[in-house]
Amino acid sequence: MSWFSRWRRARILERNVIPPDAFQTAVEGLPILQGLTADELARLREAASLFIHGKAFSAAGGADVDDATQLAIALQACLLTLNLPEDSYRGWSEIILYPDEFLRDREEMDEAGVVHRSRDILAGESWHGGPLVLSLADVAVSGQADGLNVVLHEFAHKLDMLNGDANGFPPLHHGMDATAWARDFGAAYEDLCARVDAGEDTLLDPYASTAPAEFFAVLTEAFFEMPDRVHAEYPALYRHLQQFYRQHPLARLDGAA
């Protein structure tokens, strides 16, 4: 980081750092943040402050977007990147918030060249190079350590998109084994698809079986929300995510118990 970048960062934090009381209240309302060390919390506070300063929060459909909501989103987004480069959410600037699930028209062309139009009901959406969209109703129930987290899900897509379209294969760090990642994630994804098709109950939301990108995003939710269960059922994938996010939520969970 250049001297100017360091100066600018310090200047932003001097003027825009999250007040201690607001930060503490927000952390207490998000069980997935329990177990973070004092150093991690301090870095999370700085990262969230920079995030809120750098992103535009836009209301849509009559949504009421208050400071507490922005803070809850920022803390969970920055939890993913706590030990990643500070510019991990580069290349886009807007978060659009709807009051509840929203409709999105979709067009897809099949192998015969026929265009199929559909309308999906979504809790969140991430556009490559564009905004991230969230339902406030789903944001409100995220971070409760129950396995479902639309904020982590959509921001995981943004990390996945750092090397192109979301495909479940984000840019891995130096020293990570890309072949092992592809092998282990591919095998687990195929197994999940088979189990969902067979009507079995699965640890992961069945939505994870719709595409490798969704498998990565849903698994990221579970990794931070219920690391003990992910570690028990997907030990190899837990290790890959531990390397990718440079975090060990299971140890954090044990420390908070």
Protein backbone atom coordinates (compact mmCIF):
# COMPACT_ATOMS: atom_id res chain seq x y z
CA MET A 1 0.00 0.00 0.00
CA SER A 2 1.42 3.37 -1.05
CA TRP A 3 1.86 6.23 1.40
CA PHE A 4 -1.08 8.02 -0.20
CA SER A 5 -3.32 4.96 0.17
CA ARG A 6 -2.28 4.63 3.81
CA TRP A 7 -2.96 8.33 4.39
CA ARG A 8 -6.36 8.15 2.68
CA ARG A 9 -7.32 5.02 4.63
CA ALA A 10 -6.37 6.65 7.93
CA ARG A 11 -8.26 9.80 6.96
CA ILE A 12 -11.44 7.85 6.16
CA LEU A 13 -11.26 5.94 9.44
CA GLU A 14 -10.61 9.13 11.39
CA ARG A 15 -13.79 10.65 10.03
CA ASN A 16 -16.04 7.61 9.53
CA VAL A 17 -15.13 4.87 11.99
CA ILE A 18 -18.17 3.04 13.39
CA PRO A 19 -18.99 4.31 16.90
CA PRO A 20 -18.07 1.78 19.62
CA ASP A 21 -21.61 1.44 20.99
CA ALA A 22 -23.16 0.85 17.56
CA PHE A 23 -20.45 -1.67 16.72
CA GLN A 24 -20.90 -3.59 19.98
CA THR A 25 -24.68 -3.70 19.56
CA ALA A 26 -24.36 -5.01 16.01
CA VAL A 27 -21.84 -7.69 17.01
CA GLU A 28 -24.06 -8.87 19.83
CA GLY A 29 -26.93 -9.26 17.36
CA LEU A 30 -24.91 -11.54 15.07
CA PRO A 31 -24.09 -14.88 16.73
CA ILE A 32 -21.74 -15.86 13.89
CA LEU A 33 -19.36 -13.14 15.14
CA GLN A 34 -19.12 -14.65 18.60
CA GLY A 35 -15.68 -16.07 19.28
CA LEU A 36 -13.77 -13.45 17.32
CA THR A 37 -10.70 -12.24 19.17
CA ALA A 38 -10.23 -8.64 20.25
CA ASP A 39 -7.78 -8.14 17.38
CA GLU A 40 -10.20 -9.65 14.86
CA LEU A 41 -13.03 -7.44 16.12
CA ALA A 42 -10.85 -4.35 15.86
CA ARG A 43 -9.92 -5.22 12.28
CA LEU A 44 -13.54 -6.05 11.46
CA ARG A 45 -14.64 -2.64 12.76
CA GLU A 46 -12.12 -0.89 10.53
CA ALA A 47 -12.98 -3.02 7.51
CA ALA A 48 -16.72 -2.43 7.95
CA SER A 49 -16.15 1.31 8.35
CA LEU A 50 -14.23 1.43 5.07
CA PHE A 51 -16.85 -0.76 3.41
CA ILE A 52 -19.76 1.50 4.39
CA HIS A 53 -17.81 4.55 3.24
CA GLY A 54 -16.96 2.96 -0.11
CA LYS A 55 -20.30 1.38 -1.09
CA ALA A 56 -23.62 3.04 -1.88
CA PHE A 57 -26.69 1.54 -0.20
CA SER A 58 -29.76 2.14 -2.36
CA ALA A 59 -33.38 1.49 -1.39
CA ALA A 60 -35.79 -0.08 -3.88
CA GLY A 61 -39.46 -1.03 -3.70
CA GLY A 62 -40.11 1.18 -0.69
CA ALA A 63 -37.36 -0.33 1.46
CA ASP A 64 -36.36 1.47 4.66
CA VAL A 65 -32.57 1.27 4.91
CA ASP A 66 -31.25 2.45 8.27
CA ASP A 67 -27.74 2.63 9.69
CA ALA A 68 -28.15 -0.60 11.68
CA THR A 69 -29.03 -2.54 8.53
CA GLN A 70 -26.06 -1.15 6.64
CA LEU A 71 -23.81 -2.08 9.55
CA ALA A 72 -25.16 -5.63 9.78
CA ILE A 73 -24.52 -6.14 6.07
CA ALA A 74 -21.05 -4.60 6.24
CA LEU A 75 -19.97 -6.72 9.21
CA GLN A 76 -21.01 -9.96 7.55
CA ALA A 77 -19.53 -9.00 4.19
CA CYS A 78 -16.25 -8.08 5.87
CA LEU A 79 -16.24 -11.27 7.93
CA LEU A 80 -15.62 -13.14 4.67
CA THR A 81 -12.67 -10.91 3.79
CA LEU A 82 -11.28 -10.44 7.29
CA ASN A 83 -7.99 -12.09 6.30
CA LEU A 84 -8.17 -11.37 2.57
CA PRO A 85 -6.92 -8.31 0.65
CA GLU A 86 -8.76 -5.14 1.54
CA ASP A 87 -9.79 -4.59 -2.10
CA SER A 88 -11.53 -7.96 -2.42
CA TYR A 89 -14.83 -6.23 -3.21
CA ARG A 90 -13.33 -4.05 -5.92
CA GLY A 91 -14.91 -3.30 -9.27
CA TRP A 92 -18.45 -2.49 -8.14
CA SER A 93 -20.03 0.07 -5.84
CA GLU A 94 -23.73 -0.42 -5.12
CA ILE A 95 -25.89 -2.54 -2.82
CA ILE A 96 -29.59 -2.44 -3.70
CA LEU A 97 -32.04 -3.35 -0.95
CA TYR A 98 -35.64 -4.50 -1.37
CA PRO A 99 -38.06 -4.87 1.57
CA ASP A 100 -38.62 -8.56 0.84
CA GLU A 101 -38.00 -11.16 -1.85
CA PHE A 102 -38.12 -9.63 -5.32
CA LEU A 103 -38.96 -10.76 -8.84
CA ARG A 104 -36.38 -11.04 -11.58
CA ASP A 105 -37.20 -11.78 -15.22
CA ARG A 106 -34.79 -14.25 -16.78
CA GLU A 107 -34.09 -15.40 -20.34
CA GLU A 108 -32.19 -18.56 -21.22
CA MET A 109 -31.47 -20.14 -24.58
CA ASP A 110 -31.48 -23.92 -24.83
CA GLU A 111 -29.28 -26.07 -27.05
CA ALA A 112 -31.81 -25.80 -29.88
CA GLY A 113 -31.64 -22.00 -29.81
CA VAL A 114 -35.06 -21.58 -28.25
CA VAL A 115 -35.30 -18.71 -25.75
CA HIS A 116 -37.16 -19.55 -22.52
CA ARG A 117 -38.46 -16.72 -20.34
CA SER A 118 -39.16 -17.13 -16.65
CA ARG A 119 -39.69 -15.04 -13.54
CA ASP A 120 -37.75 -15.96 -10.40
CA ILE A 121 -38.43 -14.98 -6.80
CA LEU A 122 -35.09 -14.08 -5.22
CA ALA A 123 -33.71 -13.19 -1.78
CA GLY A 124 -30.48 -11.91 -3.26
CA GLU A 125 -28.56 -11.52 -6.48
CA SER A 126 -25.02 -10.59 -7.52
CA TRP A 127 -24.17 -9.17 -10.91
CA HIS A 128 -20.72 -9.53 -12.39
CA GLY A 129 -19.24 -6.03 -12.40
CA GLY A 130 -22.52 -4.61 -11.17
CA PRO A 131 -24.54 -4.19 -7.99
CA LEU A 132 -25.39 -6.70 -5.32
CA VAL A 133 -29.10 -7.01 -4.45
CA LEU A 134 -30.55 -8.17 -1.13
CA SER A 135 -33.92 -8.68 0.52
CA LEU A 136 -34.07 -6.85 3.84
CA ALA A 137 -36.37 -9.52 5.28
CA ASP A 138 -33.68 -12.12 4.60
CA VAL A 139 -30.87 -9.87 5.81
CA ALA A 140 -32.74 -9.53 9.11
CA VAL A 141 -32.53 -13.28 9.79
CA SER A 142 -28.94 -13.74 8.57
CA GLY A 143 -26.02 -14.26 10.91
CA GLN A 144 -27.95 -16.30 13.48
CA ALA A 145 -25.77 -19.42 13.23
CA ASP A 146 -28.57 -21.52 11.73
CA GLY A 147 -26.97 -22.20 8.35
CA LEU A 148 -28.84 -19.68 6.18
CA ASN A 149 -27.27 -16.33 5.37
CA VAL A 150 -28.17 -14.37 2.24
CA VAL A 151 -25.46 -11.78 2.96
CA LEU A 152 -22.63 -14.32 3.06
CA HIS A 153 -24.14 -16.09 0.05
CA GLU A 154 -24.20 -13.08 -2.24
CA PHE A 155 -20.83 -11.74 -1.14
CA ALA A 156 -19.32 -15.20 -1.70
CA HIS A 157 -20.51 -14.84 -5.30
CA LYS A 158 -18.66 -11.53 -5.51
CA LEU A 159 -15.44 -13.24 -4.41
CA ASP A 160 -16.10 -16.05 -6.89
CA MET A 161 -16.42 -13.42 -9.64
CA LEU A 162 -12.97 -11.94 -9.04
CA ASN A 163 -11.63 -14.15 -11.84
CA GLY A 164 -14.67 -14.05 -14.14
CA ASP A 165 -18.23 -15.35 -14.00
CA ALA A 166 -19.27 -17.17 -10.82
CA ASN A 167 -18.48 -20.86 -11.27
CA GLY A 168 -17.52 -22.15 -7.82
CA PHE A 169 -13.80 -21.70 -8.54
CA PRO A 170 -12.66 -18.35 -7.09
CA PRO A 171 -9.05 -17.18 -7.47
CA LEU A 172 -7.06 -19.37 -5.11
CA HIS A 173 -4.13 -18.11 -3.06
CA HIS A 174 -0.52 -19.01 -3.76
CA GLY A 175 0.15 -22.48 -2.42
CA MET A 176 -3.43 -23.73 -2.71
CA ASP A 177 -3.93 -26.86 -4.81
CA ALA A 178 -6.30 -26.03 -7.69
CA THR A 179 -6.45 -29.65 -8.80
CA ALA A 180 -7.50 -30.82 -5.35
CA TRP A 181 -10.08 -28.02 -5.11
CA ALA A 182 -11.65 -29.02 -8.44
CA ARG A 183 -11.60 -32.72 -7.53
CA ASP A 184 -13.07 -32.37 -4.04
CA PHE A 185 -15.65 -29.73 -4.86
CA GLY A 186 -16.67 -31.55 -8.03
CA ALA A 187 -17.17 -34.87 -6.26
CA ALA A 188 -19.12 -33.29 -3.40
CA TYR A 189 -21.30 -31.32 -5.80
CA GLU A 190 -22.18 -34.41 -7.86
CA ASP A 191 -22.97 -36.33 -4.68
CA LEU A 192 -25.24 -33.55 -3.44
CA CYS A 193 -27.07 -33.40 -6.77
CA ALA A 194 -27.68 -37.15 -6.65
CA ARG A 195 -28.96 -36.98 -3.08
CA VAL A 196 -31.27 -34.04 -3.82
CA ASP A 197 -32.63 -35.84 -6.89
CA ALA A 198 -33.28 -38.89 -4.69
CA GLY A 199 -35.28 -36.76 -2.26
CA GLU A 200 -32.84 -37.17 0.64
CA ASP A 201 -32.47 -34.65 3.44
CA THR A 202 -29.14 -32.85 3.11
CA LEU A 203 -27.02 -30.63 5.34
CA LEU A 204 -26.85 -27.98 2.62
CA ASP A 205 -29.87 -26.20 1.21
CA PRO A 206 -30.93 -28.12 -1.94
CA TYR A 207 -30.49 -24.86 -3.85
CA ALA A 208 -26.77 -25.65 -3.71
CA SER A 209 -27.39 -28.37 -6.31
CA THR A 210 -28.52 -25.90 -9.00
CA ALA A 211 -24.97 -24.92 -10.09
CA PRO A 212 -21.35 -25.16 -8.87
CA ALA A 213 -21.43 -21.41 -8.12
CA GLU A 214 -24.44 -21.90 -5.84
CA PHE A 215 -22.75 -24.89 -4.19
CA PHE A 216 -19.76 -22.69 -3.30
CA ALA A 217 -21.98 -19.87 -2.01
CA VAL A 218 -24.24 -22.14 0.06
CA LEU A 219 -21.22 -23.97 1.45
CA THR A 220 -19.69 -20.62 2.43
CA GLU A 221 -22.87 -19.83 4.37
CA ALA A 222 -22.62 -23.13 6.22
CA PHE A 223 -18.86 -22.79 6.79
CA PHE A 224 -19.36 -19.64 8.84
CA GLU A 225 -22.82 -20.40 10.25
CA MET A 226 -22.37 -24.04 11.35
CA PRO A 227 -18.69 -24.96 10.92
CA ASP A 228 -18.96 -28.02 13.14
CA ARG A 229 -21.48 -29.66 10.81
CA VAL A 230 -19.54 -28.75 7.67
CA HIS A 231 -16.34 -30.10 9.19
CA ALA A 232 -18.09 -33.36 10.09
CA GLU A 233 -19.75 -33.93 6.71
CA TYR A 234 -17.30 -32.26 4.32
CA PRO A 235 -13.87 -32.34 5.99
CA ALA A 236 -11.94 -31.91 2.73
CA LEU A 237 -14.08 -28.96 1.67
CA TYR A 238 -13.78 -27.43 5.13
CA ARG A 239 -9.98 -27.51 4.74
CA HIS A 240 -10.19 -25.86 1.31
CA LEU A 241 -12.43 -23.08 2.63
CA GLN A 242 -10.20 -22.71 5.68
CA GLN A 243 -7.29 -22.06 3.31
CA PHE A 244 -9.30 -19.80 1.01
CA TYR A 245 -10.84 -17.59 3.70
CA ARG A 246 -7.79 -17.95 5.97
CA GLN A 247 -10.12 -18.58 8.87
CA HIS A 248 -10.99 -21.52 11.13
CA PRO A 249 -14.59 -20.96 12.30
CA LEU A 250 -14.70 -24.31 14.08
CA ALA A 251 -11.93 -23.24 16.45
CA ARG A 252 -13.73 -19.95 16.94
CA LEU A 253 -16.91 -21.82 17.76
CA ASP A 254 -15.09 -23.94 20.30
CA GLY A 255 -13.58 -20.81 21.84
CA ALA A 256 -17.00 -19.17 22.20
CA ALA A 257 -18.58 -22.23 23.83
